[in-house]
Amino acid sequence: MKLNLNTDFTKFPRAVSVLSAGNAGTTLSLGRAILAHDERHLRRRAIELADGSKVLVDLPEPVSLNDGDRLVLEDGGHVEIVAAAEEVYDIRARDGVHLAELAWHIGNRHLAASIEAGRILILRDHVIKAMLEGLGATVADVSEPFKPVRGAYSGHGGPSHDHGHAHAHSHAEAHSHSHDEAHSHSHSHAGHHHDHD
């Protein structure tokens, strides 16, 4: 959400901490913020709630929020985080080993991914879809909440460099990889460029 630079943030309720999903106890949420996966990486930013009101998120460190997490306001009220539906691929494999192989190829390309027992979800990219189908995957277009796996160093209060939400940070530098198999492809993700050799 873009706000005017002259916006008076002092009139917005301020969220100062986070509770993980399931730790809210009996406290009812005062509102819901429906956010895409890359919008759930927050530190200091105003967000719009489902009812049109706004909250200023003002946290001491960047956090990556999951579906069901709560922002805690200065007055003790809660705002629930809801994962927005996004255009993703539903990726299925022949068996568990094949699914693990597909997950390896996806991770090797630094793509945000939601990994479940029988499938993987990633944001749509026709180049990656062709690669996965070439590896024997069944790939379907779906629209549903996207909840990618967090990076090893992400979380509430951990270091902010988070590959679970890949590309929330700058990738002006090129990635260099060495692979057992020889391959080369180039494609664009959300306004930045990747080359794999």
N, C-alpha and C. Protein backbone atom coordinates (compact mmCIF):
# COMPACT_ATOMS: atom_id res chain seq x y z
N MET A 1 0.83 -1.17 0.00
CA MET A 1 0.00 0.00 0.00
C MET A 1 0.88 1.23 0.00
N LYS A 2 0.62 2.18 -0.88
CA LYS A 2 1.39 3.42 -0.95
C LYS A 2 0.63 4.53 -0.25
N LEU A 3 1.35 5.26 0.57
CA LEU A 3 0.75 6.37 1.28
C LEU A 3 1.42 7.66 0.87
N ASN A 4 0.70 8.75 0.94
CA ASN A 4 1.25 10.07 0.67
C ASN A 4 2.36 10.36 1.67
N LEU A 5 3.45 10.96 1.19
CA LEU A 5 4.58 11.26 2.06
C LEU A 5 4.20 12.22 3.17
N ASN A 6 3.13 12.97 2.98
CA ASN A 6 2.69 13.92 3.99
C ASN A 6 1.69 13.31 4.98
N THR A 7 1.49 12.00 4.88
CA THR A 7 0.55 11.33 5.78
C THR A 7 0.97 11.52 7.23
N ASP A 8 0.02 11.83 8.09
CA ASP A 8 0.29 11.97 9.52
C ASP A 8 0.14 10.60 10.18
N PHE A 9 1.28 9.92 10.37
CA PHE A 9 1.25 8.56 10.92
C PHE A 9 0.81 8.54 12.38
N THR A 10 0.90 9.68 13.08
CA THR A 10 0.57 9.70 14.50
C THR A 10 -0.90 9.44 14.76
N LYS A 11 -1.73 9.59 13.74
CA LYS A 11 -3.16 9.36 13.95
C LYS A 11 -3.55 7.89 13.78
N PHE A 12 -2.60 7.06 13.34
CA PHE A 12 -2.89 5.64 13.18
C PHE A 12 -2.56 4.89 14.48
N PRO A 13 -3.34 3.85 14.82
CA PRO A 13 -2.93 2.97 15.91
C PRO A 13 -1.57 2.36 15.57
N ARG A 14 -0.74 2.12 16.58
CA ARG A 14 0.62 1.65 16.34
C ARG A 14 0.78 0.22 16.84
N ALA A 15 1.25 -0.67 15.95
CA ALA A 15 1.54 -2.06 16.32
C ALA A 15 3.00 -2.14 16.72
N VAL A 16 3.27 -2.64 17.92
CA VAL A 16 4.63 -2.58 18.47
C VAL A 16 5.25 -3.96 18.73
N SER A 17 4.46 -5.03 18.61
CA SER A 17 5.01 -6.36 18.80
C SER A 17 4.17 -7.39 18.05
N VAL A 18 4.63 -8.63 18.08
CA VAL A 18 4.01 -9.71 17.30
C VAL A 18 3.78 -10.92 18.18
N LEU A 19 2.66 -11.58 17.99
CA LEU A 19 2.39 -12.88 18.61
C LEU A 19 2.24 -13.91 17.50
N SER A 20 2.89 -15.06 17.67
CA SER A 20 2.76 -16.13 16.69
C SER A 20 1.35 -16.70 16.72
N ALA A 21 0.93 -17.25 15.57
CA ALA A 21 -0.39 -17.90 15.49
C ALA A 21 -0.51 -18.93 16.60
N GLY A 22 -1.63 -18.94 17.27
CA GLY A 22 -1.85 -19.89 18.35
C GLY A 22 -1.46 -19.38 19.72
N ASN A 23 -0.77 -18.22 19.78
CA ASN A 23 -0.35 -17.68 21.07
C ASN A 23 -1.17 -16.46 21.50
N ALA A 24 -2.29 -16.23 20.82
CA ALA A 24 -3.10 -15.04 21.11
C ALA A 24 -4.01 -15.23 22.31
N GLY A 25 -4.15 -16.47 22.78
CA GLY A 25 -5.03 -16.73 23.90
C GLY A 25 -6.48 -16.45 23.53
N THR A 26 -7.20 -15.79 24.42
CA THR A 26 -8.61 -15.52 24.18
C THR A 26 -8.85 -14.10 23.65
N THR A 27 -7.77 -13.38 23.37
CA THR A 27 -7.91 -12.01 22.89
C THR A 27 -8.49 -11.99 21.49
N LEU A 28 -9.58 -11.27 21.30
CA LEU A 28 -10.20 -11.16 19.98
C LEU A 28 -9.44 -10.13 19.16
N SER A 29 -9.34 -10.35 17.86
CA SER A 29 -8.68 -9.37 17.00
C SER A 29 -9.63 -8.22 16.71
N LEU A 30 -9.06 -7.01 16.63
CA LEU A 30 -9.85 -5.82 16.33
C LEU A 30 -10.03 -5.63 14.82
N GLY A 31 -9.25 -6.37 14.05
CA GLY A 31 -9.33 -6.26 12.60
C GLY A 31 -8.41 -7.28 11.96
N ARG A 32 -8.46 -7.32 10.63
CA ARG A 32 -7.64 -8.26 9.87
C ARG A 32 -6.90 -7.52 8.78
N ALA A 33 -5.64 -7.88 8.59
CA ALA A 33 -4.84 -7.36 7.48
C ALA A 33 -4.59 -8.51 6.52
N ILE A 34 -5.14 -8.40 5.31
CA ILE A 34 -5.00 -9.47 4.31
C ILE A 34 -3.82 -9.10 3.40
N LEU A 35 -2.72 -9.83 3.54
CA LEU A 35 -1.47 -9.46 2.90
C LEU A 35 -0.88 -10.60 2.08
N ALA A 36 -0.30 -10.25 0.93
CA ALA A 36 0.45 -11.23 0.13
C ALA A 36 1.74 -11.59 0.86
N HIS A 37 2.40 -12.65 0.41
CA HIS A 37 3.57 -13.15 1.17
C HIS A 37 4.67 -12.10 1.30
N ASP A 38 4.91 -11.30 0.23
CA ASP A 38 5.98 -10.32 0.31
C ASP A 38 5.58 -9.09 1.12
N GLU A 39 4.28 -8.90 1.34
CA GLU A 39 3.81 -7.80 2.18
C GLU A 39 3.84 -8.17 3.67
N ARG A 40 4.04 -9.45 3.95
CA ARG A 40 4.07 -9.90 5.35
C ARG A 40 5.47 -9.81 5.95
N HIS A 41 6.42 -9.27 5.19
CA HIS A 41 7.76 -8.99 5.72
C HIS A 41 7.74 -7.53 6.15
N LEU A 42 7.69 -7.28 7.45
CA LEU A 42 7.41 -5.94 7.97
C LEU A 42 8.41 -5.50 9.02
N ARG A 43 8.61 -4.20 9.10
CA ARG A 43 9.24 -3.58 10.26
C ARG A 43 8.53 -2.26 10.58
N ARG A 44 8.70 -1.25 9.70
CA ARG A 44 8.00 0.02 9.93
C ARG A 44 7.28 0.42 8.64
N ARG A 45 5.96 0.26 8.66
CA ARG A 45 5.17 0.58 7.48
C ARG A 45 3.70 0.64 7.88
N ALA A 46 2.95 1.52 7.24
CA ALA A 46 1.51 1.56 7.46
C ALA A 46 0.86 0.49 6.58
N ILE A 47 -0.09 -0.24 7.17
CA ILE A 47 -0.82 -1.26 6.41
C ILE A 47 -2.31 -0.96 6.52
N GLU A 48 -3.05 -1.39 5.50
CA GLU A 48 -4.49 -1.18 5.49
C GLU A 48 -5.19 -2.46 5.91
N LEU A 49 -6.17 -2.31 6.77
CA LEU A 49 -6.94 -3.46 7.22
C LEU A 49 -8.12 -3.70 6.29
N ALA A 50 -8.76 -4.84 6.46
CA ALA A 50 -9.87 -5.23 5.57
C ALA A 50 -11.02 -4.23 5.62
N ASP A 51 -11.18 -3.53 6.74
CA ASP A 51 -12.28 -2.57 6.86
C ASP A 51 -11.91 -1.18 6.35
N GLY A 52 -10.69 -1.03 5.81
CA GLY A 52 -10.26 0.25 5.27
C GLY A 52 -9.48 1.12 6.24
N SER A 53 -9.48 0.77 7.53
CA SER A 53 -8.69 1.53 8.50
C SER A 53 -7.21 1.18 8.34
N LYS A 54 -6.36 1.96 8.97
CA LYS A 54 -4.92 1.76 8.83
C LYS A 54 -4.25 1.61 10.18
N VAL A 55 -3.15 0.87 10.17
CA VAL A 55 -2.33 0.66 11.36
C VAL A 55 -0.88 0.91 10.98
N LEU A 56 -0.15 1.60 11.85
CA LEU A 56 1.28 1.79 11.63
C LEU A 56 2.03 0.66 12.33
N VAL A 57 2.69 -0.19 11.53
CA VAL A 57 3.53 -1.24 12.09
C VAL A 57 4.87 -0.59 12.43
N ASP A 58 5.27 -0.66 13.68
CA ASP A 58 6.51 -0.03 14.15
C ASP A 58 7.22 -1.01 15.07
N LEU A 59 7.93 -1.96 14.45
CA LEU A 59 8.57 -3.04 15.20
C LEU A 59 10.07 -2.78 15.35
N PRO A 60 10.69 -3.30 16.40
CA PRO A 60 12.13 -3.06 16.61
C PRO A 60 13.01 -3.74 15.56
N GLU A 61 12.55 -4.84 14.98
CA GLU A 61 13.31 -5.58 13.98
C GLU A 61 12.36 -6.09 12.91
N PRO A 62 12.87 -6.33 11.69
CA PRO A 62 12.01 -6.91 10.64
C PRO A 62 11.53 -8.31 11.04
N VAL A 63 10.30 -8.61 10.69
CA VAL A 63 9.75 -9.94 10.93
C VAL A 63 9.03 -10.41 9.67
N SER A 64 8.95 -11.72 9.52
CA SER A 64 8.17 -12.33 8.45
C SER A 64 6.97 -13.00 9.09
N LEU A 65 5.80 -12.46 8.81
CA LEU A 65 4.59 -12.91 9.48
C LEU A 65 3.90 -14.03 8.71
N ASN A 66 3.35 -14.97 9.44
CA ASN A 66 2.60 -16.07 8.86
C ASN A 66 1.11 -15.84 9.01
N ASP A 67 0.34 -16.59 8.25
CA ASP A 67 -1.12 -16.58 8.37
C ASP A 67 -1.50 -16.89 9.81
N GLY A 68 -2.33 -16.05 10.41
CA GLY A 68 -2.79 -16.28 11.78
C GLY A 68 -1.97 -15.58 12.84
N ASP A 69 -0.79 -15.05 12.50
CA ASP A 69 -0.02 -14.26 13.46
C ASP A 69 -0.80 -13.01 13.84
N ARG A 70 -0.44 -12.40 14.95
CA ARG A 70 -1.11 -11.19 15.41
C ARG A 70 -0.10 -10.05 15.57
N LEU A 71 -0.51 -8.86 15.15
CA LEU A 71 0.19 -7.64 15.51
C LEU A 71 -0.45 -7.13 16.79
N VAL A 72 0.37 -6.75 17.77
CA VAL A 72 -0.15 -6.26 19.05
C VAL A 72 0.00 -4.74 19.08
N LEU A 73 -1.12 -4.05 19.30
CA LEU A 73 -1.14 -2.59 19.33
C LEU A 73 -0.69 -2.08 20.70
N GLU A 74 -0.36 -0.80 20.73
CA GLU A 74 0.09 -0.19 21.99
C GLU A 74 -0.93 -0.33 23.10
N ASP A 75 -2.22 -0.30 22.75
CA ASP A 75 -3.26 -0.41 23.78
C ASP A 75 -3.61 -1.86 24.12
N GLY A 76 -2.86 -2.81 23.55
CA GLY A 76 -3.09 -4.22 23.84
C GLY A 76 -4.00 -4.93 22.85
N GLY A 77 -4.62 -4.18 21.95
CA GLY A 77 -5.48 -4.79 20.94
C GLY A 77 -4.67 -5.59 19.93
N HIS A 78 -5.35 -6.49 19.23
CA HIS A 78 -4.70 -7.36 18.25
C HIS A 78 -5.24 -7.12 16.84
N VAL A 79 -4.35 -7.24 15.86
CA VAL A 79 -4.74 -7.27 14.45
C VAL A 79 -4.26 -8.60 13.89
N GLU A 80 -5.17 -9.36 13.30
CA GLU A 80 -4.83 -10.68 12.76
C GLU A 80 -4.27 -10.55 11.34
N ILE A 81 -3.20 -11.29 11.07
CA ILE A 81 -2.61 -11.34 9.73
C ILE A 81 -3.23 -12.50 8.97
N VAL A 82 -3.73 -12.21 7.78
CA VAL A 82 -4.35 -13.24 6.94
C VAL A 82 -3.57 -13.31 5.62
N ALA A 83 -3.17 -14.51 5.24
CA ALA A 83 -2.44 -14.69 3.97
C ALA A 83 -3.40 -14.51 2.80
N ALA A 84 -3.10 -13.59 1.92
CA ALA A 84 -3.96 -13.32 0.75
C ALA A 84 -3.83 -14.44 -0.27
N ALA A 85 -4.90 -14.66 -1.03
CA ALA A 85 -4.83 -15.60 -2.15
C ALA A 85 -3.90 -15.03 -3.22
N GLU A 86 -3.04 -15.87 -3.78
CA GLU A 86 -2.11 -15.44 -4.82
C GLU A 86 -2.12 -16.45 -5.96
N GLU A 87 -1.66 -15.99 -7.12
CA GLU A 87 -1.61 -16.85 -8.31
C GLU A 87 -0.36 -17.73 -8.20
N VAL A 88 -0.56 -19.01 -7.95
CA VAL A 88 0.55 -19.92 -7.70
C VAL A 88 0.41 -21.20 -8.52
N TYR A 89 1.49 -21.96 -8.55
CA TYR A 89 1.47 -23.30 -9.13
C TYR A 89 1.34 -24.33 -8.02
N ASP A 90 0.47 -25.32 -8.25
CA ASP A 90 0.33 -26.49 -7.39
C ASP A 90 1.14 -27.59 -8.06
N ILE A 91 2.24 -27.99 -7.42
CA ILE A 91 3.20 -28.92 -8.03
C ILE A 91 3.09 -30.27 -7.34
N ARG A 92 2.83 -31.30 -8.12
CA ARG A 92 2.69 -32.66 -7.59
C ARG A 92 3.76 -33.55 -8.19
N ALA A 93 4.12 -34.57 -7.42
CA ALA A 93 5.19 -35.48 -7.83
C ALA A 93 4.70 -36.92 -7.87
N ARG A 94 5.54 -37.81 -8.41
CA ARG A 94 5.19 -39.24 -8.49
C ARG A 94 5.16 -39.88 -7.10
N ASP A 95 6.09 -39.46 -6.25
CA ASP A 95 6.22 -40.03 -4.90
C ASP A 95 7.01 -39.07 -4.03
N GLY A 96 7.27 -39.47 -2.81
CA GLY A 96 7.97 -38.60 -1.86
C GLY A 96 9.37 -38.23 -2.29
N VAL A 97 10.10 -39.19 -2.85
CA VAL A 97 11.47 -38.92 -3.29
C VAL A 97 11.46 -37.92 -4.45
N HIS A 98 10.53 -38.11 -5.37
CA HIS A 98 10.41 -37.19 -6.51
C HIS A 98 10.06 -35.78 -6.02
N LEU A 99 9.17 -35.68 -5.02
CA LEU A 99 8.80 -34.37 -4.47
C LEU A 99 10.02 -33.69 -3.85
N ALA A 100 10.84 -34.47 -3.14
CA ALA A 100 12.06 -33.92 -2.55
C ALA A 100 13.02 -33.42 -3.63
N GLU A 101 13.11 -34.16 -4.73
CA GLU A 101 13.97 -33.73 -5.84
C GLU A 101 13.47 -32.42 -6.44
N LEU A 102 12.15 -32.32 -6.61
CA LEU A 102 11.58 -31.08 -7.14
C LEU A 102 11.84 -29.92 -6.19
N ALA A 103 11.69 -30.17 -4.89
CA ALA A 103 11.96 -29.13 -3.89
C ALA A 103 13.40 -28.67 -3.96
N TRP A 104 14.32 -29.60 -4.20
CA TRP A 104 15.74 -29.25 -4.32
C TRP A 104 15.95 -28.31 -5.51
N HIS A 105 15.37 -28.64 -6.65
CA HIS A 105 15.53 -27.80 -7.84
C HIS A 105 14.93 -26.41 -7.61
N ILE A 106 13.79 -26.35 -6.94
CA ILE A 106 13.15 -25.06 -6.65
C ILE A 106 14.02 -24.24 -5.69
N GLY A 107 14.50 -24.88 -4.64
CA GLY A 107 15.36 -24.19 -3.67
C GLY A 107 16.66 -23.74 -4.28
N ASN A 108 17.17 -24.51 -5.22
CA ASN A 108 18.43 -24.17 -5.89
C ASN A 108 18.31 -22.88 -6.69
N ARG A 109 17.06 -22.50 -7.00
CA ARG A 109 16.82 -21.26 -7.75
C ARG A 109 16.30 -20.13 -6.84
N HIS A 110 16.45 -20.33 -5.54
CA HIS A 110 16.11 -19.30 -4.55
C HIS A 110 14.66 -18.82 -4.66
N LEU A 111 13.75 -19.75 -4.94
CA LEU A 111 12.35 -19.38 -5.06
C LEU A 111 11.62 -19.62 -3.74
N ALA A 112 10.78 -18.67 -3.36
CA ALA A 112 9.93 -18.88 -2.20
C ALA A 112 9.00 -20.04 -2.50
N ALA A 113 8.83 -20.96 -1.54
CA ALA A 113 8.02 -22.15 -1.77
C ALA A 113 7.31 -22.57 -0.50
N SER A 114 6.07 -23.00 -0.66
CA SER A 114 5.31 -23.61 0.42
C SER A 114 5.37 -25.12 0.19
N ILE A 115 5.91 -25.86 1.16
CA ILE A 115 6.12 -27.30 0.99
C ILE A 115 5.19 -28.05 1.93
N GLU A 116 4.34 -28.89 1.34
CA GLU A 116 3.40 -29.69 2.10
C GLU A 116 3.70 -31.17 1.86
N ALA A 117 2.95 -32.04 2.53
CA ALA A 117 3.23 -33.48 2.44
C ALA A 117 3.11 -34.00 1.01
N GLY A 118 2.12 -33.50 0.25
CA GLY A 118 1.91 -34.04 -1.08
C GLY A 118 2.12 -33.07 -2.22
N ARG A 119 2.55 -31.83 -1.92
CA ARG A 119 2.69 -30.85 -3.00
C ARG A 119 3.60 -29.70 -2.57
N ILE A 120 3.97 -28.90 -3.56
CA ILE A 120 4.73 -27.67 -3.36
C ILE A 120 3.97 -26.56 -4.07
N LEU A 121 3.91 -25.39 -3.45
CA LEU A 121 3.34 -24.21 -4.10
C LEU A 121 4.44 -23.18 -4.32
N ILE A 122 4.47 -22.60 -5.52
CA ILE A 122 5.38 -21.49 -5.81
C ILE A 122 4.61 -20.44 -6.62
N LEU A 123 5.11 -19.21 -6.64
CA LEU A 123 4.52 -18.19 -7.49
C LEU A 123 4.71 -18.59 -8.95
N ARG A 124 3.78 -18.18 -9.79
CA ARG A 124 3.82 -18.60 -11.20
C ARG A 124 4.99 -17.99 -11.95
N ASP A 125 5.63 -18.82 -12.74
CA ASP A 125 6.74 -18.41 -13.61
C ASP A 125 6.83 -19.47 -14.71
N HIS A 126 6.54 -19.07 -15.96
CA HIS A 126 6.42 -20.07 -17.03
C HIS A 126 7.73 -20.81 -17.28
N VAL A 127 8.87 -20.16 -17.04
CA VAL A 127 10.16 -20.83 -17.24
C VAL A 127 10.33 -21.95 -16.22
N ILE A 128 9.99 -21.67 -14.97
CA ILE A 128 10.11 -22.68 -13.91
C ILE A 128 9.08 -23.79 -14.14
N LYS A 129 7.89 -23.43 -14.60
CA LYS A 129 6.87 -24.45 -14.89
C LYS A 129 7.38 -25.43 -15.93
N ALA A 130 7.99 -24.92 -16.99
CA ALA A 130 8.52 -25.79 -18.04
C ALA A 130 9.62 -26.70 -17.49
N MET A 131 10.47 -26.14 -16.63
CA MET A 131 11.54 -26.94 -16.03
C MET A 131 10.94 -28.07 -15.18
N LEU A 132 9.95 -27.75 -14.35
CA LEU A 132 9.36 -28.75 -13.46
C LEU A 132 8.64 -29.83 -14.25
N GLU A 133 7.90 -29.43 -15.29
CA GLU A 133 7.24 -30.43 -16.13
C GLU A 133 8.26 -31.31 -16.84
N GLY A 134 9.39 -30.72 -17.20
CA GLY A 134 10.47 -31.51 -17.81
C GLY A 134 11.05 -32.52 -16.84
N LEU A 135 10.93 -32.23 -15.55
CA LEU A 135 11.42 -33.14 -14.51
C LEU A 135 10.34 -34.15 -14.09
N GLY A 136 9.18 -34.12 -14.78
CA GLY A 136 8.13 -35.10 -14.51
C GLY A 136 7.07 -34.65 -13.54
N ALA A 137 7.07 -33.38 -13.14
CA ALA A 137 6.07 -32.88 -12.21
C ALA A 137 4.74 -32.62 -12.92
N THR A 138 3.66 -32.68 -12.17
CA THR A 138 2.35 -32.23 -12.64
C THR A 138 2.12 -30.85 -12.03
N VAL A 139 1.93 -29.85 -12.90
CA VAL A 139 1.84 -28.46 -12.44
C VAL A 139 0.48 -27.88 -12.83
N ALA A 140 -0.26 -27.36 -11.85
CA ALA A 140 -1.58 -26.78 -12.10
C ALA A 140 -1.61 -25.34 -11.59
N ASP A 141 -2.33 -24.47 -12.32
CA ASP A 141 -2.53 -23.09 -11.89
C ASP A 141 -3.64 -23.05 -10.84
N VAL A 142 -3.35 -22.47 -9.67
CA VAL A 142 -4.36 -22.30 -8.63
C VAL A 142 -4.22 -20.90 -8.03
N SER A 143 -5.26 -20.47 -7.35
CA SER A 143 -5.23 -19.21 -6.62
C SER A 143 -5.61 -19.51 -5.18
N GLU A 144 -4.65 -19.37 -4.27
CA GLU A 144 -4.89 -19.66 -2.86
C GLU A 144 -3.84 -18.98 -2.00
N PRO A 145 -4.05 -18.92 -0.69
CA PRO A 145 -3.05 -18.29 0.17
C PRO A 145 -1.69 -18.94 0.00
N PHE A 146 -0.65 -18.10 -0.09
CA PHE A 146 0.72 -18.57 -0.30
C PHE A 146 1.50 -18.34 0.99
N LYS A 147 1.93 -19.43 1.60
CA LYS A 147 2.62 -19.36 2.89
C LYS A 147 3.98 -20.05 2.77
N PRO A 148 4.95 -19.37 2.17
CA PRO A 148 6.24 -20.02 1.92
C PRO A 148 7.00 -20.34 3.21
N VAL A 149 7.84 -21.35 3.11
CA VAL A 149 8.70 -21.75 4.22
C VAL A 149 9.62 -20.58 4.55
N ARG A 150 9.79 -20.33 5.82
CA ARG A 150 10.69 -19.27 6.25
C ARG A 150 12.13 -19.71 6.10
N GLY A 151 13.01 -18.73 5.92
CA GLY A 151 14.43 -19.02 5.87
C GLY A 151 14.94 -19.45 7.24
N ALA A 152 16.11 -20.07 7.25
CA ALA A 152 16.66 -20.60 8.50
C ALA A 152 16.90 -19.52 9.54
N TYR A 153 17.10 -18.28 9.09
CA TYR A 153 17.41 -17.20 10.04
C TYR A 153 16.26 -16.23 10.22
N SER A 154 15.08 -16.58 9.73
CA SER A 154 13.95 -15.66 9.86
C SER A 154 13.15 -16.00 11.10
N GLY A 155 12.12 -15.19 11.34
CA GLY A 155 11.26 -15.46 12.48
C GLY A 155 11.00 -14.19 13.24
N HIS A 156 10.41 -14.32 14.40
CA HIS A 156 10.08 -13.16 15.21
C HIS A 156 11.29 -12.80 16.04
N GLY A 157 12.05 -11.81 15.57
CA GLY A 157 13.18 -11.34 16.32
C GLY A 157 14.50 -11.90 15.84
N GLY A 158 14.52 -12.75 14.82
CA GLY A 158 15.78 -13.27 14.29
C GLY A 158 16.37 -12.30 13.29
N PRO A 159 17.55 -12.62 12.75
CA PRO A 159 18.13 -11.77 11.72
C PRO A 159 17.18 -11.58 10.55
N SER A 160 17.30 -10.46 9.88
CA SER A 160 16.28 -10.08 8.90
C SER A 160 16.53 -10.63 7.51
N HIS A 161 17.68 -11.21 7.24
CA HIS A 161 17.95 -11.72 5.89
C HIS A 161 17.20 -13.03 5.72
N ASP A 162 16.13 -13.01 4.96
CA ASP A 162 15.17 -14.10 4.95
C ASP A 162 14.98 -14.64 3.55
N HIS A 163 15.49 -15.86 3.29
CA HIS A 163 15.25 -16.48 1.99
C HIS A 163 13.94 -17.24 1.96
N GLY A 164 13.26 -17.36 3.11
CA GLY A 164 11.92 -17.94 3.08
C GLY A 164 10.99 -17.02 2.31
N HIS A 165 11.28 -15.73 2.37
CA HIS A 165 10.55 -14.76 1.55
C HIS A 165 11.56 -14.25 0.55
N ALA A 166 11.91 -15.11 -0.38
CA ALA A 166 12.99 -14.79 -1.31
C ALA A 166 12.71 -13.49 -2.03
N HIS A 167 13.73 -12.69 -2.15
CA HIS A 167 13.71 -11.46 -2.92
C HIS A 167 12.97 -10.32 -2.23
N ALA A 168 12.81 -10.40 -0.90
CA ALA A 168 12.31 -9.24 -0.17
C ALA A 168 13.43 -8.23 -0.01
N HIS A 169 14.66 -8.67 -0.33
CA HIS A 169 15.81 -7.78 -0.23
C HIS A 169 16.42 -7.62 -1.62
N SER A 170 17.42 -6.78 -1.73
CA SER A 170 17.98 -6.45 -3.03
C SER A 170 18.85 -7.57 -3.58
N HIS A 171 18.68 -7.86 -4.84
CA HIS A 171 19.53 -8.82 -5.52
C HIS A 171 20.18 -8.14 -6.73
N ALA A 172 20.80 -7.00 -6.48
CA ALA A 172 21.46 -6.32 -7.58
C ALA A 172 22.67 -7.13 -8.05
N GLU A 173 23.24 -7.87 -7.11
CA GLU A 173 24.38 -8.69 -7.48
C GLU A 173 23.91 -9.96 -8.16
N ALA A 174 24.71 -10.47 -9.03
CA ALA A 174 24.36 -11.72 -9.73
C ALA A 174 24.64 -12.90 -8.83
N HIS A 175 23.83 -13.95 -8.94
CA HIS A 175 24.08 -15.19 -8.23
C HIS A 175 24.92 -16.10 -9.12
N SER A 176 25.93 -16.67 -8.54
CA SER A 176 26.75 -17.61 -9.28
C SER A 176 26.60 -18.98 -8.65
N HIS A 177 26.31 -19.97 -9.45
CA HIS A 177 26.10 -21.32 -8.95
C HIS A 177 26.93 -22.32 -9.74
N SER A 178 27.30 -23.37 -9.05
CA SER A 178 27.93 -24.49 -9.72
C SER A 178 27.03 -25.71 -9.54
N HIS A 179 26.70 -26.36 -10.62
CA HIS A 179 25.79 -27.51 -10.56
C HIS A 179 26.44 -28.72 -11.21
N ASP A 180 25.97 -29.89 -10.78
CA ASP A 180 26.48 -31.13 -11.38
C ASP A 180 26.09 -31.21 -12.85
N GLU A 181 24.83 -30.82 -13.13
CA GLU A 181 24.38 -30.85 -14.51
C GLU A 181 24.60 -29.50 -15.14
N ALA A 182 24.90 -29.46 -16.40
CA ALA A 182 25.11 -28.19 -17.12
C ALA A 182 23.76 -27.68 -17.59
N HIS A 183 23.44 -26.43 -17.23
CA HIS A 183 22.22 -25.82 -17.74
C HIS A 183 22.36 -24.32 -17.67
N SER A 184 21.60 -23.67 -18.48
CA SER A 184 21.62 -22.21 -18.46
C SER A 184 20.24 -21.70 -18.78
N HIS A 185 19.75 -20.75 -17.96
CA HIS A 185 18.51 -20.09 -18.28
C HIS A 185 18.49 -18.72 -17.62
N SER A 186 17.69 -17.89 -18.17
CA SER A 186 17.57 -16.54 -17.62
C SER A 186 16.11 -16.15 -17.63
N HIS A 187 15.64 -15.58 -16.50
CA HIS A 187 14.26 -15.15 -16.45
C HIS A 187 14.12 -14.04 -15.42
N SER A 188 12.96 -13.44 -15.39
CA SER A 188 12.73 -12.29 -14.52
C SER A 188 11.74 -12.64 -13.43
N HIS A 189 12.02 -12.18 -12.19
CA HIS A 189 11.10 -12.34 -11.06
C HIS A 189 10.81 -10.98 -10.48
N ALA A 190 9.59 -10.53 -10.56
CA ALA A 190 9.12 -9.33 -9.85
C ALA A 190 10.08 -8.16 -10.01
N GLY A 191 10.52 -7.93 -11.23
CA GLY A 191 11.29 -6.73 -11.48
C GLY A 191 12.78 -6.86 -11.28
N HIS A 192 13.27 -8.09 -11.00
CA HIS A 192 14.71 -8.23 -10.97
C HIS A 192 15.11 -9.47 -11.74
N HIS A 193 16.37 -9.62 -12.02
CA HIS A 193 16.82 -10.55 -13.04
C HIS A 193 17.71 -11.62 -12.44
N HIS A 194 17.57 -12.84 -12.90
CA HIS A 194 18.41 -13.95 -12.44
C HIS A 194 19.08 -14.59 -13.65
N ASP A 195 20.33 -14.93 -13.50
CA ASP A 195 21.04 -15.72 -14.49
C ASP A 195 21.61 -16.92 -13.78
N HIS A 196 21.40 -18.08 -14.32
CA HIS A 196 21.97 -19.31 -13.76
C HIS A 196 22.85 -19.96 -14.83
N ASP A 197 24.06 -20.23 -14.48
CA ASP A 197 24.97 -20.86 -15.42
C ASP A 197 25.39 -22.21 -14.92
